[in-house]
């Protein structure tokens, strides 16, 4: 069974949430209020990337695949970050899942 370049996409969709923009924006502003909180906020993306990588490795456990799986995890979380940024820019006018689908579509079109 082959891995598409977007294996992390399915897992990200499964973890997508119905987010309330106003509440999420307040939390994000607080997280970026000072350097220490901002660093912790960014570290959460590294943790998410590791979780995606771990899940992919469970699906495809062959050690020779791990470098490619790491790239898929990085790209997946990058797409998530951009989706969140765009959702925030648009003040939550559409569901976050819509932005996530668009981010993956953009990624697919450019590779």
Foldseek 3Di string as FASTA:
>chain_A
DDDDLQNLLVVVLVPFDFDDLVVVVVVVCVQVVDDVSVVVVVVVLVVQLVVSLVVVCVVVVDPVCSVSSSSNSVLLSVLLVQLVVVCVVVSNPDGSVVSSVVSVVVVVVVD
